[in-house]
Structure formats: structure tokens, C-alpha cells
Amino acid sequence: MRAAVLEAIGTSPICREFQEPDVRAGETLVHVRAAAVKQLERLIASGKHYSSPTSLPIVPGLDGVGHLDTGERVYFMAQRRPFGAMAERAPASLTVPVPDALDDATAAAVVNPGLAGWLPLVERGRMGAGETVLILGATGTSGRMAVAIARHLGAGRIVACGRRQPVLDALGADATINLDASEAQISGAFAREVERGVGVVVDYLWGRPAELLIGAIARPDLHSSAEDAAIRFVTVGAMAGPDIALPSNALRGSRLELIGSGTGNFPHGETMRRAIAAVLDLARAGDLPVDAHAVPLENIAEAWAVPENPDTRVVVTV
């Protein structure tokens, strides 16, 4: 079968023949139509991700859209190496029906950023209706979707933080914080929102913005009351840097809960299927718009290049 094949760490995949996948217990063979090329796949192939392969070659791609032998069109996840989604066929560990109103490229492009908004809010952050949600990195694709999902879930107040003020203004958030401002201004804005009350933080940035926000959350005194609720700080990405300085008093002097949301703690089985179905339904309704750019599998080198427009989601079509 034809596939995009990664032959060496730090290189781009090439289109060539690859072995047919064997289908094991709990898997389903999917005839692939489209597979999203995400930054995660590029990072894995670069050797800089904790899940980068130690044995090559492999077919990259963790998810996509295709059809089963029955003809049913599905979104699927393929997570058993050396087989991946960027091939004519893939062994799927999970499948979810795709609504008829969504084309292949859109369905393949929307699920990953949609889950990066849904899972931190619902599964990890345990967001309740009426709570305030603060989103660090709200101008990226996942951040914009998190704003829409938080509103859909009944957030009482949404605070969008990012570096592109025109994009922030277009999100329909209740408040915005421009991260291009001075650190003193950013810290002051964070402190005012924390004083007002924050339930869940969804953070795609980490680095210095996370340090400033955690600094605003930590109490400078010994005050604690029964009315204090936990602030669930869910880290999803590290666009502003992989590390932070975390003073212990930030955890001892507040009800801050630091939580991660990523491949290592994704829900399984029906919980994950429900999350994916919810994202697809929101996309079908037009609530999660995504700019999908389709590139044929034969042109995998073009698809692998980082797009000039950061809001474009590249999809390989088979």
C-alpha cells in the first residue's frame, strides 16, 4: 500500500510502498481518506517528543477519517507502530461515525484541536456550568475552539488571553488580556480576574505567562475560607516555553490544582468516543470553524512543511 513513511528522525516522510497492516484484537481496518498533519506529528518525527520512535521506519499520523469495509465513514485513531494514519489503510484502535454534513478534510482537521479544548474543560478541569474559564493562548486554533466549547458548556464568564488583539476581540469572550502588554500589566490583569473568581484555567502556553498567572493565584497571606474553591489549572501545551519556576508556596498558599491534559491521560473507550462525537457535532453545527488545506499523499513533503498561516490545518488526502 502507499504511505507516508518516516525513515530517519529529523527528516520529512516520503511517499512509498509500505507493508499492509495486520489487524489485531480490538482493532478495525480503516480505508483512509484523510489524515491531519499536526504539530504533534512533526514534533514526534523530530525526535523531541517523549513518544518519538526508537525503531524506524514508521508511518506517521495518529488519527484521520476513512471508511470501514461496510462503507461506514468514521473518524479513527491509529496508535500502534509502525502503522499510522497517513497511509491507504490503517489499523484503528477507536472509531466514531462522522456526520454526513462534514467533509473528510474538515472532519480530520477539527477533532484534534477540538479535543484539545473539550478534554481540558470536561475531563480534566471538571468545568461546571456558571464557572469562569480563563484560557491562556486563546488565539490559536485549539484556544479559539476552547472559547467556543466553554460557551457551549455554559461557562459563566470567559477570559481569553493571547497576543493577537484583533483575534481576541473576535472571539466573543467576556474579557480579554493582551499578552503583548508589559508583565506588570499582565500580572495586574490576572490578579483582577483571580480576585473576581476563576474556576478553570486552560493553558496552551506554559512558560512565562503561566508563571505570572500562578503568581497571581498564590495568596500572599494566611487567609483561607470555606468559600474558596479549587482553581483547576490544566496545562495542554508549551508554546511559550517547556519549563516554569514553581515556588512551593504557590501550591501551599492556594487551592491551585495543577493538571495535565495530553496523550498520557486521554480517556478510553466510550468516554473518548463521546468526546469525539461531541466535537464532530459542534463542527457540524458550525460552532467549531476550521480552515482545512488538503494536500495529496503523494505531496507529503509539501504537507509536512509548517504552513505560513498558523490558523491553517493541513490534511493529507488518500
C-alpha atoms as a PDB file:
ATOM      1  CA  MET A   1       0.000   0.000   0.000  1.00  0.00           C
ATOM      2  CA  ARG A   2       1.075   3.631  -0.456  1.00  0.00           C
ATOM      3  CA  ALA A   3       2.008   5.500   2.683  1.00  0.00           C
ATOM      4  CA  ALA A   4       3.947   8.443   4.047  1.00  0.00           C
ATOM      5  CA  VAL A   5       7.000   6.794   5.586  1.00  0.00           C
ATOM      6  CA  LEU A   6       9.403   8.309   8.106  1.00  0.00           C
ATOM      7  CA  GLU A   7      12.776   6.664   7.535  1.00  0.00           C
ATOM      8  CA  ALA A   8      15.030   8.814   9.747  1.00  0.00           C
ATOM      9  CA  ILE A   9      14.470  11.034  12.774  1.00  0.00           C
ATOM     10  CA  GLY A  10      14.650  14.704  11.879  1.00  0.00           C
ATOM     11  CA  THR A  11      13.610  14.229   8.257  1.00  0.00           C
ATOM     12  CA  SER A  12      10.338  14.565   6.355  1.00  0.00           C
ATOM     13  CA  PRO A  13       8.353  11.456   5.435  1.00  0.00           C
ATOM     14  CA  ILE A  14       8.394  10.245   1.842  1.00  0.00           C
ATOM     15  CA  CYS A  15       5.591   8.609  -0.131  1.00  0.00           C
ATOM     16  CA  ARG A  16       6.417   4.991  -0.961  1.00  0.00           C
ATOM     17  CA  GLU A  17       5.139   1.444  -0.647  1.00  0.00           C
ATOM     18  CA  PHE A  18       4.789   0.085   2.899  1.00  0.00           C
ATOM     19  CA  GLN A  19       3.658  -3.207   4.358  1.00  0.00           C
ATOM     20  CA  GLU A  20      -0.040  -3.836   4.843  1.00  0.00           C
ATOM     21  CA  PRO A  21      -1.187  -3.512   8.451  1.00  0.00           C
ATOM     22  CA  ASP A  22      -2.107  -6.602  10.400  1.00  0.00           C
ATOM     23  CA  VAL A  23      -5.334  -6.181  12.353  1.00  0.00           C
ATOM     24  CA  ARG A  24      -5.221  -7.391  15.942  1.00  0.00           C
ATOM     25  CA  ALA A  25      -7.865  -7.964  18.583  1.00  0.00           C
ATOM     26  CA  GLY A  26      -9.676  -4.740  19.399  1.00  0.00           C
ATOM     27  CA  GLU A  27      -8.682  -3.086  16.117  1.00  0.00           C
ATOM     28  CA  THR A  28     -10.597  -2.343  12.915  1.00  0.00           C
ATOM     29  CA  LEU A  29      -9.184  -1.926   9.419  1.00  0.00           C
ATOM     30  CA  VAL A  30      -9.903   1.550   8.029  1.00  0.00           C
ATOM     31  CA  HIS A  31      -9.525   2.602   4.404  1.00  0.00           C
ATOM     32  CA  VAL A  32      -8.119   6.086   4.885  1.00  0.00           C
ATOM     33  CA  ARG A  33      -9.468   9.156   3.121  1.00  0.00           C
ATOM     34  CA  ALA A  34      -7.825  11.978   5.083  1.00  0.00           C
ATOM     35  CA  ALA A  35      -5.339  12.395   7.926  1.00  0.00           C
ATOM     36  CA  ALA A  36      -4.409  15.642   9.656  1.00  0.00           C
ATOM     37  CA  VAL A  37      -0.748  16.724   9.756  1.00  0.00           C
ATOM     38  CA  LYS A  38      -0.426  18.202  13.232  1.00  0.00           C
ATOM     39  CA  GLN A  39       2.441  19.845  15.047  1.00  0.00           C
ATOM     40  CA  LEU A  40       2.475  16.814  17.335  1.00  0.00           C
ATOM     41  CA  GLU A  41       3.389  14.519  14.428  1.00  0.00           C
ATOM     42  CA  ARG A  42       6.155  16.881  13.344  1.00  0.00           C
ATOM     43  CA  LEU A  43       7.487  17.028  16.902  1.00  0.00           C
ATOM     44  CA  ILE A  44       7.437  13.228  17.222  1.00  0.00           C
ATOM     45  CA  ALA A  45       9.296  12.868  13.919  1.00  0.00           C
ATOM     46  CA  SER A  46      11.907  15.411  15.034  1.00  0.00           C
ATOM     47  CA  GLY A  47      12.879  13.208  17.982  1.00  0.00           C
ATOM     48  CA  LYS A  48      11.974  15.921  20.503  1.00  0.00           C
ATOM     49  CA  HIS A  49       8.775  14.397  21.887  1.00  0.00           C
ATOM     50  CA  TYR A  50       8.556  11.901  24.734  1.00  0.00           C
ATOM     51  CA  SER A  51       6.837   9.483  22.356  1.00  0.00           C
ATOM     52  CA  SER A  52       9.359   9.817  19.498  1.00  0.00           C
ATOM     53  CA  PRO A  53      10.067   6.384  17.942  1.00  0.00           C
ATOM     54  CA  THR A  54      13.179   4.380  18.720  1.00  0.00           C
ATOM     55  CA  SER A  55      12.638   1.993  15.822  1.00  0.00           C
ATOM     56  CA  LEU A  56      12.145   3.019  12.195  1.00  0.00           C
ATOM     57  CA  PRO A  57      10.616   3.179   9.637  1.00  0.00           C
ATOM     58  CA  ILE A  58       7.099   4.133  10.717  1.00  0.00           C
ATOM     59  CA  VAL A  59       4.012   5.632   9.124  1.00  0.00           C
ATOM     60  CA  PRO A  60       3.181   8.883  10.955  1.00  0.00           C
ATOM     61  CA  GLY A  61      -0.305  10.070  11.781  1.00  0.00           C
ATOM     62  CA  LEU A  62      -2.342   9.418  14.899  1.00  0.00           C
ATOM     63  CA  ASP A  63      -5.839   9.943  13.521  1.00  0.00           C
ATOM     64  CA  GLY A  64      -7.902  10.565  10.438  1.00  0.00           C
ATOM     65  CA  VAL A  65     -11.107   9.874   8.538  1.00  0.00           C
ATOM     66  CA  GLY A  66     -11.864   6.854   6.395  1.00  0.00           C
ATOM     67  CA  HIS A  67     -14.400   4.132   5.761  1.00  0.00           C
ATOM     68  CA  LEU A  68     -14.833   0.623   7.065  1.00  0.00           C
ATOM     69  CA  ASP A  69     -15.345  -2.467   4.917  1.00  0.00           C
ATOM     70  CA  THR A  70     -19.079  -1.903   5.474  1.00  0.00           C
ATOM     71  CA  GLY A  71     -18.819   1.526   3.837  1.00  0.00           C
ATOM     72  CA  GLU A  72     -19.489   3.443   7.055  1.00  0.00           C
ATOM     73  CA  ARG A  73     -17.481   6.680   7.243  1.00  0.00           C
ATOM     74  CA  VAL A  74     -15.635   7.118  10.532  1.00  0.00           C
ATOM     75  CA  TYR A  75     -13.110   9.181  12.398  1.00  0.00           C
ATOM     76  CA  PHE A  76     -10.398   6.862  13.689  1.00  0.00           C
ATOM     77  CA  MET A  77      -7.307   6.720  15.887  1.00  0.00           C
ATOM     78  CA  ALA A  78      -4.300   4.603  14.883  1.00  0.00           C
ATOM     79  CA  GLN A  79      -1.698   4.342  17.623  1.00  0.00           C
ATOM     80  CA  ARG A  80       0.209   1.085  17.048  1.00  0.00           C
ATOM     81  CA  ARG A  81       3.548   1.482  15.353  1.00  0.00           C
ATOM     82  CA  PRO A  82       4.828   1.077  12.750  1.00  0.00           C
ATOM     83  CA  PHE A  83       1.376   1.758  11.290  1.00  0.00           C
ATOM     84  CA  GLY A  84      -0.173   5.227  11.259  1.00  0.00           C
ATOM     85  CA  ALA A  85      -2.962   7.213   9.683  1.00  0.00           C
ATOM     86  CA  MET A  86      -1.037   8.600   6.691  1.00  0.00           C
ATOM     87  CA  ALA A  87      -1.478   5.518   4.535  1.00  0.00           C
ATOM     88  CA  GLU A  88      -4.067   3.867   2.344  1.00  0.00           C
ATOM     89  CA  ARG A  89      -5.071   1.581   5.209  1.00  0.00           C
ATOM     90  CA  ALA A  90      -4.611   1.714   8.973  1.00  0.00           C
ATOM     91  CA  PRO A  91      -5.451  -0.469  11.999  1.00  0.00           C
ATOM     92  CA  ALA A  92      -7.788   1.658  14.108  1.00  0.00           C
ATOM     93  CA  SER A  93      -7.976   1.294  17.870  1.00  0.00           C
ATOM     94  CA  LEU A  94     -11.070   3.527  18.018  1.00  0.00           C
ATOM     95  CA  THR A  95     -13.699   4.651  15.512  1.00  0.00           C
ATOM     96  CA  VAL A  96     -16.566   7.161  15.689  1.00  0.00           C
ATOM     97  CA  PRO A  97     -19.158   7.794  12.938  1.00  0.00           C
ATOM     98  CA  VAL A  98     -18.727  11.090  11.058  1.00  0.00           C
ATOM     99  CA  PRO A  99     -21.846  13.226  10.382  1.00  0.00           C
ATOM    100  CA  ASP A 100     -22.802  13.377   6.705  1.00  0.00           C
ATOM    101  CA  ALA A 101     -22.637  17.192   6.697  1.00  0.00           C
ATOM    102  CA  LEU A 102     -18.877  17.185   7.371  1.00  0.00           C
ATOM    103  CA  ASP A 103     -16.454  16.596   4.517  1.00  0.00           C
ATOM    104  CA  ASP A 104     -13.432  14.334   5.056  1.00  0.00           C
ATOM    105  CA  ALA A 105     -10.831  17.089   5.338  1.00  0.00           C
ATOM    106  CA  THR A 106     -12.841  19.164   7.814  1.00  0.00           C
ATOM    107  CA  ALA A 107     -13.638  16.157   9.981  1.00  0.00           C
ATOM    108  CA  ALA A 108      -9.989  15.079  10.010  1.00  0.00           C
ATOM    109  CA  ALA A 109      -8.796  18.610  10.822  1.00  0.00           C
ATOM    110  CA  VAL A 110     -11.240  19.555  13.567  1.00  0.00           C
ATOM    111  CA  VAL A 111     -11.093  16.665  16.039  1.00  0.00           C
ATOM    112  CA  ASN A 112      -7.586  17.155  17.424  1.00  0.00           C
ATOM    113  CA  PRO A 113      -7.885  20.884  18.215  1.00  0.00           C
ATOM    114  CA  GLY A 114     -11.460  20.309  19.300  1.00  0.00           C
ATOM    115  CA  LEU A 115     -10.414  17.629  21.780  1.00  0.00           C
ATOM    116  CA  ALA A 116      -7.649  19.955  22.982  1.00  0.00           C
ATOM    117  CA  GLY A 117     -10.465  22.251  24.063  1.00  0.00           C
ATOM    118  CA  TRP A 118     -13.039  19.684  25.176  1.00  0.00           C
ATOM    119  CA  LEU A 119     -10.902  17.319  27.260  1.00  0.00           C
ATOM    120  CA  PRO A 120      -9.191  20.002  29.420  1.00  0.00           C
ATOM    121  CA  LEU A 121     -12.553  21.551  30.211  1.00  0.00           C
ATOM    122  CA  VAL A 122     -14.696  18.453  30.694  1.00  0.00           C
ATOM    123  CA  GLU A 123     -12.486  15.509  31.635  1.00  0.00           C
ATOM    124  CA  ARG A 124      -9.533  17.199  33.340  1.00  0.00           C
ATOM    125  CA  GLY A 125     -10.840  20.575  34.504  1.00  0.00           C
ATOM    126  CA  ARG A 126     -14.300  19.326  35.537  1.00  0.00           C
ATOM    127  CA  MET A 127     -15.849  22.605  34.469  1.00  0.00           C
ATOM    128  CA  GLY A 128     -19.273  23.305  35.921  1.00  0.00           C
ATOM    129  CA  ALA A 129     -21.965  25.497  34.378  1.00  0.00           C
ATOM    130  CA  GLY A 130     -21.615  29.093  35.515  1.00  0.00           C
ATOM    131  CA  GLU A 131     -17.893  28.883  36.289  1.00  0.00           C
ATOM    132  CA  THR A 132     -15.307  31.323  34.981  1.00  0.00           C
ATOM    133  CA  VAL A 133     -12.857  29.879  32.462  1.00  0.00           C
ATOM    134  CA  LEU A 134      -9.541  31.597  31.685  1.00  0.00           C
ATOM    135  CA  ILE A 135      -7.782  30.484  28.502  1.00  0.00           C
ATOM    136  CA  LEU A 136      -4.063  31.138  28.023  1.00  0.00           C
ATOM    137  CA  GLY A 137      -3.298  31.044  24.307  1.00  0.00           C
ATOM    138  CA  ALA A 138      -6.840  31.736  23.125  1.00  0.00           C
ATOM    139  CA  THR A 139      -5.795  32.939  19.672  1.00  0.00           C
ATOM    140  CA  GLY A 140      -4.513  29.556  18.462  1.00  0.00           C
ATOM    141  CA  THR A 141      -6.825  27.057  16.793  1.00  0.00           C
ATOM    142  CA  SER A 142      -7.333  24.982  19.956  1.00  0.00           C
ATOM    143  CA  GLY A 143      -7.663  28.092  22.106  1.00  0.00           C
ATOM    144  CA  ARG A 144     -10.364  29.546  19.876  1.00  0.00           C
ATOM    145  CA  MET A 145     -12.210  26.249  19.992  1.00  0.00           C
ATOM    146  CA  ALA A 146     -11.874  26.162  23.786  1.00  0.00           C
ATOM    147  CA  VAL A 147     -13.624  29.526  23.955  1.00  0.00           C
ATOM    148  CA  ALA A 148     -16.499  28.191  21.843  1.00  0.00           C
ATOM    149  CA  ILE A 149     -16.708  24.938  23.813  1.00  0.00           C
ATOM    150  CA  ALA A 150     -16.670  26.739  27.167  1.00  0.00           C
ATOM    151  CA  ARG A 151     -19.566  28.890  25.987  1.00  0.00           C
ATOM    152  CA  HIS A 152     -21.415  25.785  24.740  1.00  0.00           C
ATOM    153  CA  LEU A 153     -20.905  24.120  28.135  1.00  0.00           C
ATOM    154  CA  GLY A 154     -22.418  27.071  29.974  1.00  0.00           C
ATOM    155  CA  ALA A 155     -19.420  28.967  31.320  1.00  0.00           C
ATOM    156  CA  GLY A 156     -20.491  31.983  33.305  1.00  0.00           C
ATOM    157  CA  ARG A 157     -17.524  34.085  32.217  1.00  0.00           C
ATOM    158  CA  ILE A 158     -14.760  33.503  29.669  1.00  0.00           C
ATOM    159  CA  VAL A 159     -11.432  35.334  29.812  1.00  0.00           C
ATOM    160  CA  ALA A 160      -9.382  34.992  26.610  1.00  0.00           C
ATOM    161  CA  CYS A 161      -5.645  35.694  26.808  1.00  0.00           C
ATOM    162  CA  GLY A 162      -3.345  35.921  23.809  1.00  0.00           C
ATOM    163  CA  ARG A 163      -1.045  38.037  21.670  1.00  0.00           C
ATOM    164  CA  ARG A 164      -3.251  38.934  18.716  1.00  0.00           C
ATOM    165  CA  GLN A 165      -5.739  41.520  19.970  1.00  0.00           C
ATOM    166  CA  PRO A 166      -7.855  41.584  16.774  1.00  0.00           C
ATOM    167  CA  VAL A 167      -8.316  37.805  17.082  1.00  0.00           C
ATOM    168  CA  LEU A 168      -9.108  38.143  20.795  1.00  0.00           C
ATOM    169  CA  ASP A 169     -11.718  40.797  20.001  1.00  0.00           C
ATOM    170  CA  ALA A 170     -13.445  38.467  17.542  1.00  0.00           C
ATOM    171  CA  LEU A 171     -13.827  35.561  19.987  1.00  0.00           C
ATOM    172  CA  GLY A 172     -16.872  36.838  21.834  1.00  0.00           C
ATOM    173  CA  ALA A 173     -15.201  36.355  25.219  1.00  0.00           C
ATOM    174  CA  ASP A 174     -16.394  38.314  28.242  1.00  0.00           C
ATOM    175  CA  ALA A 175     -12.917  39.755  28.813  1.00  0.00           C
ATOM    176  CA  THR A 176      -9.542  39.675  27.089  1.00  0.00           C
ATOM    177  CA  ILE A 177      -5.953  40.040  28.280  1.00  0.00           C
ATOM    178  CA  ASN A 178      -3.341  41.046  25.724  1.00  0.00           C
ATOM    179  CA  LEU A 179      -0.133  39.157  26.425  1.00  0.00           C
ATOM    180  CA  ASP A 180       1.846  41.698  24.397  1.00  0.00           C
ATOM    181  CA  ALA A 181       1.423  44.124  27.310  1.00  0.00           C
ATOM    182  CA  SER A 182       4.090  44.630  29.977  1.00  0.00           C
ATOM    183  CA  GLU A 183       4.489  41.959  32.653  1.00  0.00           C
ATOM    184  CA  ALA A 184       3.218  44.408  35.257  1.00  0.00           C
ATOM    185  CA  GLN A 185       0.062  44.996  33.234  1.00  0.00           C
ATOM    186  CA  ILE A 186      -0.436  41.281  32.596  1.00  0.00           C
ATOM    187  CA  SER A 187       0.067  40.400  36.275  1.00  0.00           C
ATOM    188  CA  GLY A 188      -2.375  43.120  37.287  1.00  0.00           C
ATOM    189  CA  ALA A 189      -4.999  41.843  34.852  1.00  0.00           C
ATOM    190  CA  PHE A 190      -4.501  38.264  36.085  1.00  0.00           C
ATOM    191  CA  ALA A 191      -4.822  39.396  39.717  1.00  0.00           C
ATOM    192  CA  ARG A 192      -8.108  41.161  38.990  1.00  0.00           C
ATOM    193  CA  GLU A 193      -9.576  38.077  37.337  1.00  0.00           C
ATOM    194  CA  VAL A 194      -8.393  35.802  40.166  1.00  0.00           C
ATOM    195  CA  GLU A 195      -9.933  38.167  42.710  1.00  0.00           C
ATOM    196  CA  ARG A 196     -13.188  38.058  40.750  1.00  0.00           C
ATOM    197  CA  GLY A 197     -13.054  34.263  40.743  1.00  0.00           C
ATOM    198  CA  VAL A 198     -11.647  31.683  38.298  1.00  0.00           C
ATOM    199  CA  GLY A 199     -12.725  28.043  38.189  1.00  0.00           C
ATOM    200  CA  VAL A 200     -10.720  26.521  35.325  1.00  0.00           C
ATOM    201  CA  VAL A 201      -7.576  27.632  33.505  1.00  0.00           C
ATOM    202  CA  VAL A 202      -6.835  26.017  30.136  1.00  0.00           C
ATOM    203  CA  ASP A 203      -3.215  26.754  29.251  1.00  0.00           C
ATOM    204  CA  TYR A 204      -1.676  26.233  25.807  1.00  0.00           C
ATOM    205  CA  LEU A 205       1.381  28.396  26.552  1.00  0.00           C
ATOM    206  CA  TRP A 206       3.153  27.417  29.812  1.00  0.00           C
ATOM    207  CA  GLY A 207       6.429  29.373  30.196  1.00  0.00           C
ATOM    208  CA  ARG A 208       6.338  32.945  31.497  1.00  0.00           C
ATOM    209  CA  PRO A 209       2.573  33.554  31.077  1.00  0.00           C
ATOM    210  CA  ALA A 210       1.884  30.527  33.299  1.00  0.00           C
ATOM    211  CA  GLU A 211       4.367  31.792  35.900  1.00  0.00           C
ATOM    212  CA  LEU A 212       2.651  35.180  36.023  1.00  0.00           C
ATOM    213  CA  LEU A 213      -0.801  33.645  36.368  1.00  0.00           C
ATOM    214  CA  ILE A 214       0.258  31.175  39.067  1.00  0.00           C
ATOM    215  CA  GLY A 215       1.899  34.076  40.887  1.00  0.00           C
ATOM    216  CA  ALA A 216      -1.427  35.898  40.862  1.00  0.00           C
ATOM    217  CA  ILE A 217      -3.239  32.818  42.174  1.00  0.00           C
ATOM    218  CA  ALA A 218      -0.930  32.271  45.179  1.00  0.00           C
ATOM    219  CA  ARG A 219      -2.225  34.088  48.263  1.00  0.00           C
ATOM    220  CA  PRO A 220       0.163  36.499  49.984  1.00  0.00           C
ATOM    221  CA  ASP A 221      -1.377  35.877  53.408  1.00  0.00           C
ATOM    222  CA  LEU A 222      -2.723  33.109  55.630  1.00  0.00           C
ATOM    223  CA  HIS A 223      -6.336  33.620  54.619  1.00  0.00           C
ATOM    224  CA  SER A 224      -8.478  30.613  53.754  1.00  0.00           C
ATOM    225  CA  SER A 225     -12.220  30.153  53.920  1.00  0.00           C
ATOM    226  CA  ALA A 226     -14.831  27.525  53.225  1.00  0.00           C
ATOM    227  CA  GLU A 227     -15.943  29.559  50.205  1.00  0.00           C
ATOM    228  CA  ASP A 228     -12.585  29.143  48.472  1.00  0.00           C
ATOM    229  CA  ALA A 229     -12.974  26.790  45.524  1.00  0.00           C
ATOM    230  CA  ALA A 230     -10.229  24.894  43.732  1.00  0.00           C
ATOM    231  CA  ILE A 231      -8.743  26.510  40.646  1.00  0.00           C
ATOM    232  CA  ARG A 232      -8.053  23.696  38.188  1.00  0.00           C
ATOM    233  CA  PHE A 233      -5.070  24.775  36.096  1.00  0.00           C
ATOM    234  CA  VAL A 234      -4.920  22.438  33.079  1.00  0.00           C
ATOM    235  CA  THR A 235      -1.746  22.570  31.003  1.00  0.00           C
ATOM    236  CA  VAL A 236      -2.208  21.451  27.405  1.00  0.00           C
ATOM    237  CA  GLY A 237       0.771  22.913  25.535  1.00  0.00           C
ATOM    238  CA  ALA A 238       4.036  24.774  25.942  1.00  0.00           C
ATOM    239  CA  MET A 239       4.129  27.323  23.137  1.00  0.00           C
ATOM    240  CA  ALA A 240       5.794  29.910  25.421  1.00  0.00           C
ATOM    241  CA  GLY A 241       8.389  27.513  26.828  1.00  0.00           C
ATOM    242  CA  PRO A 242       8.707  23.976  28.235  1.00  0.00           C
ATOM    243  CA  ASP A 243       9.607  24.926  31.818  1.00  0.00           C
ATOM    244  CA  ILE A 244       8.481  27.236  34.598  1.00  0.00           C
ATOM    245  CA  ALA A 245       9.792  28.238  38.006  1.00  0.00           C
ATOM    246  CA  LEU A 246       7.217  26.978  40.511  1.00  0.00           C
ATOM    247  CA  PRO A 247       7.610  28.179  44.111  1.00  0.00           C
ATOM    248  CA  SER A 248       6.169  25.732  46.616  1.00  0.00           C
ATOM    249  CA  ASN A 249       4.065  28.422  48.268  1.00  0.00           C
ATOM    250  CA  ALA A 250       2.039  28.676  45.063  1.00  0.00           C
ATOM    251  CA  LEU A 251       0.657  25.228  45.893  1.00  0.00           C
ATOM    252  CA  ARG A 252       0.681  25.539  49.685  1.00  0.00           C
ATOM    253  CA  GLY A 253      -0.803  29.045  49.705  1.00  0.00           C
ATOM    254  CA  SER A 254      -3.769  28.450  47.444  1.00  0.00           C
ATOM    255  CA  ARG A 255      -6.288  25.875  46.286  1.00  0.00           C
ATOM    256  CA  LEU A 256      -4.479  25.557  42.989  1.00  0.00           C
ATOM    257  CA  GLU A 257      -4.601  22.172  41.285  1.00  0.00           C
ATOM    258  CA  LEU A 258      -2.041  21.646  38.507  1.00  0.00           C
ATOM    259  CA  ILE A 259      -3.308  19.129  35.958  1.00  0.00           C
ATOM    260  CA  GLY A 260      -2.041  17.969  32.575  1.00  0.00           C
ATOM    261  CA  SER A 261      -4.135  17.084  29.542  1.00  0.00           C
ATOM    262  CA  GLY A 262      -2.400  15.070  26.831  1.00  0.00           C
ATOM    263  CA  THR A 263      -1.912  11.690  25.224  1.00  0.00           C
ATOM    264  CA  GLY A 264      -0.707  10.164  28.504  1.00  0.00           C
ATOM    265  CA  ASN A 265      -4.065  10.685  30.221  1.00  0.00           C
ATOM    266  CA  PHE A 266      -6.622  10.630  27.408  1.00  0.00           C
ATOM    267  CA  PRO A 267      -9.833   8.856  28.435  1.00  0.00           C
ATOM    268  CA  HIS A 268     -10.518   5.460  26.916  1.00  0.00           C
ATOM    269  CA  GLY A 269     -13.414   3.627  25.336  1.00  0.00           C
ATOM    270  CA  GLU A 270     -16.853   5.182  25.429  1.00  0.00           C
ATOM    271  CA  THR A 271     -15.705   8.308  27.260  1.00  0.00           C
ATOM    272  CA  MET A 272     -13.361   9.164  24.408  1.00  0.00           C
ATOM    273  CA  ARG A 273     -15.946   8.251  21.787  1.00  0.00           C
ATOM    274  CA  ARG A 274     -18.474  10.601  23.408  1.00  0.00           C
ATOM    275  CA  ALA A 275     -15.919  13.414  23.468  1.00  0.00           C
ATOM    276  CA  ILE A 276     -15.086  12.947  19.775  1.00  0.00           C
ATOM    277  CA  ALA A 277     -18.771  12.716  18.849  1.00  0.00           C
ATOM    278  CA  ALA A 278     -19.427  15.964  20.737  1.00  0.00           C
ATOM    279  CA  VAL A 279     -16.636  17.734  18.840  1.00  0.00           C
ATOM    280  CA  LEU A 280     -17.918  16.434  15.495  1.00  0.00           C
ATOM    281  CA  ASP A 281     -21.456  17.547  16.336  1.00  0.00           C
ATOM    282  CA  LEU A 282     -20.243  21.045  17.246  1.00  0.00           C
ATOM    283  CA  ALA A 283     -18.300  21.181  13.977  1.00  0.00           C
ATOM    284  CA  ARG A 284     -21.371  20.028  12.041  1.00  0.00           C
ATOM    285  CA  ALA A 285     -23.371  22.833  13.653  1.00  0.00           C
ATOM    286  CA  GLY A 286     -20.741  25.369  12.583  1.00  0.00           C
ATOM    287  CA  ASP A 287     -19.606  26.162  16.118  1.00  0.00           C
ATOM    288  CA  LEU A 288     -16.005  24.994  15.555  1.00  0.00           C
ATOM    289  CA  PRO A 289     -14.896  26.511  12.243  1.00  0.00           C
ATOM    290  CA  VAL A 290     -11.574  25.244  10.917  1.00  0.00           C
ATOM    291  CA  ASP A 291      -9.524  26.173   7.858  1.00  0.00           C
ATOM    292  CA  ALA A 292      -8.517  22.811   6.347  1.00  0.00           C
ATOM    293  CA  HIS A 293      -5.983  22.723   3.494  1.00  0.00           C
ATOM    294  CA  ALA A 294      -5.948  19.377   1.680  1.00  0.00           C
ATOM    295  CA  VAL A 295      -2.728  18.017   0.114  1.00  0.00           C
ATOM    296  CA  PRO A 296      -2.500  14.645  -1.719  1.00  0.00           C
ATOM    297  CA  LEU A 297      -0.466  11.892  -0.049  1.00  0.00           C
ATOM    298  CA  GLU A 298       1.990  11.976  -2.951  1.00  0.00           C
ATOM    299  CA  ASN A 299       2.914  15.532  -1.912  1.00  0.00           C
ATOM    300  CA  ILE A 300       3.684  14.658   1.705  1.00  0.00           C
ATOM    301  CA  ALA A 301       6.771  16.924   1.723  1.00  0.00           C
ATOM    302  CA  GLU A 302       4.523  19.911   0.984  1.00  0.00           C
ATOM    303  CA  ALA A 303       2.037  18.819   3.647  1.00  0.00           C
ATOM    304  CA  TRP A 304       4.807  18.307   6.218  1.00  0.00           C
ATOM    305  CA  ALA A 305       6.067  21.892   5.954  1.00  0.00           C
ATOM    306  CA  VAL A 306       4.691  24.216   8.625  1.00  0.00           C
ATOM    307  CA  PRO A 307       2.016  26.417   6.972  1.00  0.00           C
ATOM    308  CA  GLU A 308       2.665  30.149   6.747  1.00  0.00           C
ATOM    309  CA  ASN A 309      -0.777  30.818   8.221  1.00  0.00           C
ATOM    310  CA  PRO A 310      -0.787  29.396  11.784  1.00  0.00           C
ATOM    311  CA  ASP A 311      -4.572  29.046  11.625  1.00  0.00           C
ATOM    312  CA  THR A 312      -4.456  26.615   8.682  1.00  0.00           C
ATOM    313  CA  ARG A 313      -4.789  22.884   9.422  1.00  0.00           C
ATOM    314  CA  VAL A 314      -3.077  20.748   6.787  1.00  0.00           C
ATOM    315  CA  VAL A 315      -4.711  17.446   5.838  1.00  0.00           C
ATOM    316  CA  VAL A 316      -3.232  14.632   3.734  1.00  0.00           C
ATOM    317  CA  THR A 317      -5.803  13.066   1.421  1.00  0.00           C
ATOM    318  CA  VAL A 318      -5.561   9.500   0.177  1.00  0.00           C
END
